[in-house]
Protein backbone atom coordinates (compact mmCIF):
# COMPACT_ATOMS: atom_id res chain seq x y z
CA UNK A 1 0.00 0.00 0.00
CA UNK A 2 1.42 3.36 -1.06
CA UNK A 3 1.83 5.95 1.69
CA UNK A 4 -0.02 9.22 1.15
CA UNK A 5 2.63 11.98 1.46
CA UNK A 6 -0.02 14.40 2.71
CA UNK A 7 -1.21 12.07 5.46
CA UNK A 8 1.80 10.51 7.18
CA UNK A 9 1.60 7.21 9.00
CA UNK A 10 1.06 7.46 12.73
CA UNK A 11 3.04 5.42 15.26
CA UNK A 12 1.73 1.87 15.71
CA UNK A 13 1.05 2.33 19.43
CA UNK A 14 0.30 5.67 21.05
CA UNK A 15 2.20 6.56 24.21
CA UNK A 16 0.57 5.46 27.46
CA UNK A 17 -0.27 8.38 29.79
CA UNK A 18 1.98 8.44 32.84
CA UNK A 19 4.55 6.18 31.21
CA UNK A 20 7.77 7.77 29.98
CA UNK A 21 8.44 7.65 26.25
CA UNK A 22 11.71 6.52 24.81
CA UNK A 23 13.85 9.23 23.21
CA UNK A 24 13.11 7.69 19.83
CA UNK A 25 9.36 7.69 20.51
CA UNK A 26 9.45 11.28 21.78
CA UNK A 27 11.42 12.38 18.72
CA UNK A 28 8.95 10.60 16.44
CA UNK A 29 6.01 12.24 18.20
CA UNK A 30 7.63 15.69 17.86
CA UNK A 31 8.50 15.04 14.21
CA UNK A 32 4.91 14.07 13.42
CA UNK A 33 3.29 16.86 15.46
CA UNK A 34 2.94 19.27 12.49
CA UNK A 35 1.17 16.50 10.57
CA UNK A 36 -1.42 15.69 13.22
CA UNK A 37 -4.37 17.62 11.84
CA UNK A 38 -7.95 17.36 13.02
CA UNK A 39 -9.84 14.43 11.51
CA UNK A 40 -12.05 16.89 9.60
CA UNK A 41 -9.02 17.97 7.57
CA UNK A 42 -8.59 14.39 6.34
CA UNK A 43 -12.21 13.74 5.47
CA UNK A 44 -13.30 14.01 1.88
CA UNK A 45 -14.84 17.39 1.16
CA UNK A 46 -18.62 17.59 1.14
CA UNK A 47 -20.28 18.17 -2.20
CA UNK A 48 -20.01 21.89 -2.91
CA UNK A 49 -23.16 23.89 -2.23
CA UNK A 50 -21.74 27.10 -3.68
CA UNK A 51 -19.73 27.80 -6.81
CA UNK A 52 -16.69 25.56 -7.23
CA UNK A 53 -13.56 27.68 -6.76
CA UNK A 54 -10.99 24.86 -6.81
CA UNK A 55 -10.83 21.42 -8.43
CA UNK A 56 -8.15 18.95 -7.36
CA UNK A 57 -7.77 16.13 -9.88
CA UNK A 58 -5.37 13.40 -10.92
CA UNK A 59 -3.97 11.10 -8.26
CA UNK A 60 -6.67 11.68 -5.66
CA UNK A 61 -8.86 9.22 -3.77
CA UNK A 62 -11.99 11.32 -4.08
CA UNK A 63 -14.30 9.65 -6.59
CA UNK A 64 -14.17 9.99 -9.54
CA UNK A 65 -10.55 11.15 -9.29
CA UNK A 66 -11.51 14.74 -8.56
CA UNK A 67 -12.37 16.79 -5.49
CA UNK A 68 -14.22 20.08 -5.88
CA UNK A 69 -14.15 22.78 -3.21
CA UNK A 70 -16.37 25.79 -2.76
CA UNK A 71 -15.26 28.71 -0.61
CA UNK A 72 -17.18 27.34 2.41
CA UNK A 73 -15.29 24.01 2.23
CA UNK A 74 -11.95 25.84 2.15
CA UNK A 75 -13.05 28.08 5.03
CA UNK A 76 -14.01 24.97 7.06
CA UNK A 77 -10.38 23.72 7.05
CA UNK A 78 -8.00 25.03 9.74
CA UNK A 79 -7.00 28.58 8.77
CA UNK A 80 -3.49 30.06 8.85
CA UNK A 81 -1.92 33.32 7.75
CA UNK A 82 1.37 34.86 6.64
CA UNK A 83 2.14 38.55 6.66
CA UNK A 84 4.86 38.90 4.11
CA UNK A 85 6.36 41.13 1.45
CA UNK A 86 6.01 39.92 -2.13
CA UNK A 87 7.04 41.24 -5.55
CA UNK A 88 3.36 41.96 -6.35
CA UNK A 89 2.57 44.48 -3.62
CA UNK A 90 4.42 47.58 -2.39
CA UNK A 91 4.00 46.67 1.28
CA UNK A 92 3.77 43.47 3.30
CA UNK A 93 0.27 41.99 3.13
CA UNK A 94 -1.59 39.42 5.20
CA UNK A 95 -2.57 36.24 3.29
CA UNK A 96 -5.02 33.88 5.03
CA UNK A 97 -6.47 30.47 4.22
CA UNK A 98 -5.90 26.75 4.73
CA UNK A 99 -2.51 25.16 4.34
CA UNK A 100 -2.18 23.67 0.87
CA UNK A 101 -1.24 20.33 2.43
CA UNK A 102 -4.57 20.30 4.34
CA UNK A 103 -6.48 20.89 1.10
CA UNK A 104 -4.56 18.08 -0.58
CA UNK A 105 -5.15 15.74 2.36
CA UNK A 106 -8.88 16.52 2.24
CA UNK A 107 -8.86 15.57 -1.45
CA UNK A 108 -6.93 12.35 -0.76
CA UNK A 109 -4.02 13.47 -2.96
CA UNK A 110 -1.24 10.90 -3.42
CA UNK A 111 1.09 12.23 -6.10
CA UNK A 112 4.67 13.44 -6.15
CA UNK A 113 4.08 16.79 -7.87
CA UNK A 114 1.36 19.36 -8.26
CA UNK A 115 0.46 21.36 -11.31
CA UNK A 116 -1.26 24.60 -10.31
CA UNK A 117 -3.52 26.07 -13.01
CA UNK A 118 -4.79 29.65 -12.96
CA UNK A 119 -7.86 31.20 -14.57
CA UNK A 120 -5.68 32.56 -17.40
CA UNK A 121 -4.23 29.03 -17.93
CA UNK A 122 -0.88 29.91 -16.31
CA UNK A 123 0.56 26.58 -15.16
CA UNK A 124 3.34 25.93 -12.72
CA UNK A 125 4.65 22.74 -11.16
CA UNK A 126 5.02 22.65 -7.39
CA UNK A 127 7.01 19.79 -5.81
CA UNK A 128 5.19 17.93 -3.04
CA UNK A 129 8.26 18.57 -0.89
CA UNK A 130 7.43 22.28 -0.83
CA UNK A 131 4.05 21.74 0.85
CA UNK A 132 5.52 19.20 3.25
CA UNK A 133 8.47 21.39 4.26
CA UNK A 134 6.89 24.86 4.25
CA UNK A 135 3.52 26.18 5.43
CA UNK A 136 2.31 27.03 1.94
CA UNK A 137 -1.10 28.68 2.22
CA UNK A 138 -3.93 28.54 -0.26
CA UNK A 139 -4.85 32.15 0.43
CA UNK A 140 -8.52 33.02 0.15
CA UNK A 141 -8.26 36.31 2.04
CA UNK A 142 -5.97 39.29 1.53
CA UNK A 143 -5.77 41.53 4.58
CA UNK A 144 -8.80 39.66 5.99
CA UNK A 145 -10.95 40.38 2.90
CA UNK A 146 -11.99 38.02 0.09
CA UNK A 147 -9.92 38.54 -3.06
CA UNK A 148 -11.65 39.52 -6.27
CA UNK A 149 -10.27 38.22 -9.55
CA UNK A 150 -8.84 41.68 -10.29
CA UNK A 151 -6.95 41.43 -6.95
CA UNK A 152 -5.35 38.09 -7.87
CA UNK A 153 -8.19 36.06 -6.34
CA UNK A 154 -10.20 34.22 -5.50
CA UNK A 155 -7.31 31.89 -4.53
CA UNK A 156 -3.57 32.56 -4.38
CA UNK A 157 -0.82 30.01 -3.57
CA UNK A 158 1.41 31.82 -1.06
CA UNK A 159 4.73 30.72 0.40
CA UNK A 160 5.96 31.96 3.82
CA UNK A 161 8.57 34.34 2.38
CA UNK A 162 8.95 36.31 5.61
CA UNK A 163 9.86 33.14 7.54
CA UNK A 164 12.39 31.62 5.09
CA UNK A 165 14.99 33.75 3.30
CA UNK A 166 15.79 30.85 0.95
CA UNK A 167 12.30 31.19 -0.56
CA UNK A 168 12.86 34.76 -1.72
CA UNK A 169 13.88 34.03 -5.29
CA UNK A 170 12.36 33.69 -8.77
CA UNK A 171 11.81 29.92 -8.47
CA UNK A 172 9.47 30.21 -5.48
CA UNK A 173 7.88 33.45 -6.64
CA UNK A 174 6.90 31.68 -9.87
CA UNK A 175 5.18 28.92 -7.86
CA UNK A 176 2.80 31.46 -6.30
CA UNK A 177 -0.05 30.97 -8.72
CA UNK A 178 -2.74 33.60 -8.30
CA UNK A 179 -6.30 33.29 -9.62
CA UNK A 180 -5.88 29.56 -8.95
CA UNK A 181 -8.70 27.39 -10.31
CA UNK A 182 -7.29 23.85 -10.33
CA UNK A 183 -4.54 21.57 -9.08
CA UNK A 184 -3.55 18.42 -10.94
CA UNK A 185 -1.82 15.86 -8.73
CA UNK A 186 0.74 13.88 -10.75
């Protein structure tokens, strides 16, 4: 059985309360802590009731190989934010939304790469390692307000540039697809 890179395996036996953990077990627990999301983040998304703003297709478990999200489904996932400077705005801006890895886990994604597709058909490949290593946000709010298409919305892939100097270069800037409409998992 292939391991889902967006939903890591949990330890075979949880630690027993009141019983000391081994160093190895404690290290494993700490290493997995960022991956221990609420069960709701792993459930398949409910059928959209509003307009579909994102389709995740390809290597996904959601039948029939595609998961559609409306804005309410994305808002129901745990929300995060980055306040960061980018090449597209004069000042640092606050980007808020679910982590991209949570969206992919909800879709049951199991690929090694992602192809982000924008409304204008801009396409960019994003390695799975990026969403595992960094808190890449699928921003649905800019400065706490929904983003209109003319403001690079309704969805914008945003890396945590303020937190990681190594991300501040053309490679990672190019992976920030705005006006995102679809992700193909390959």
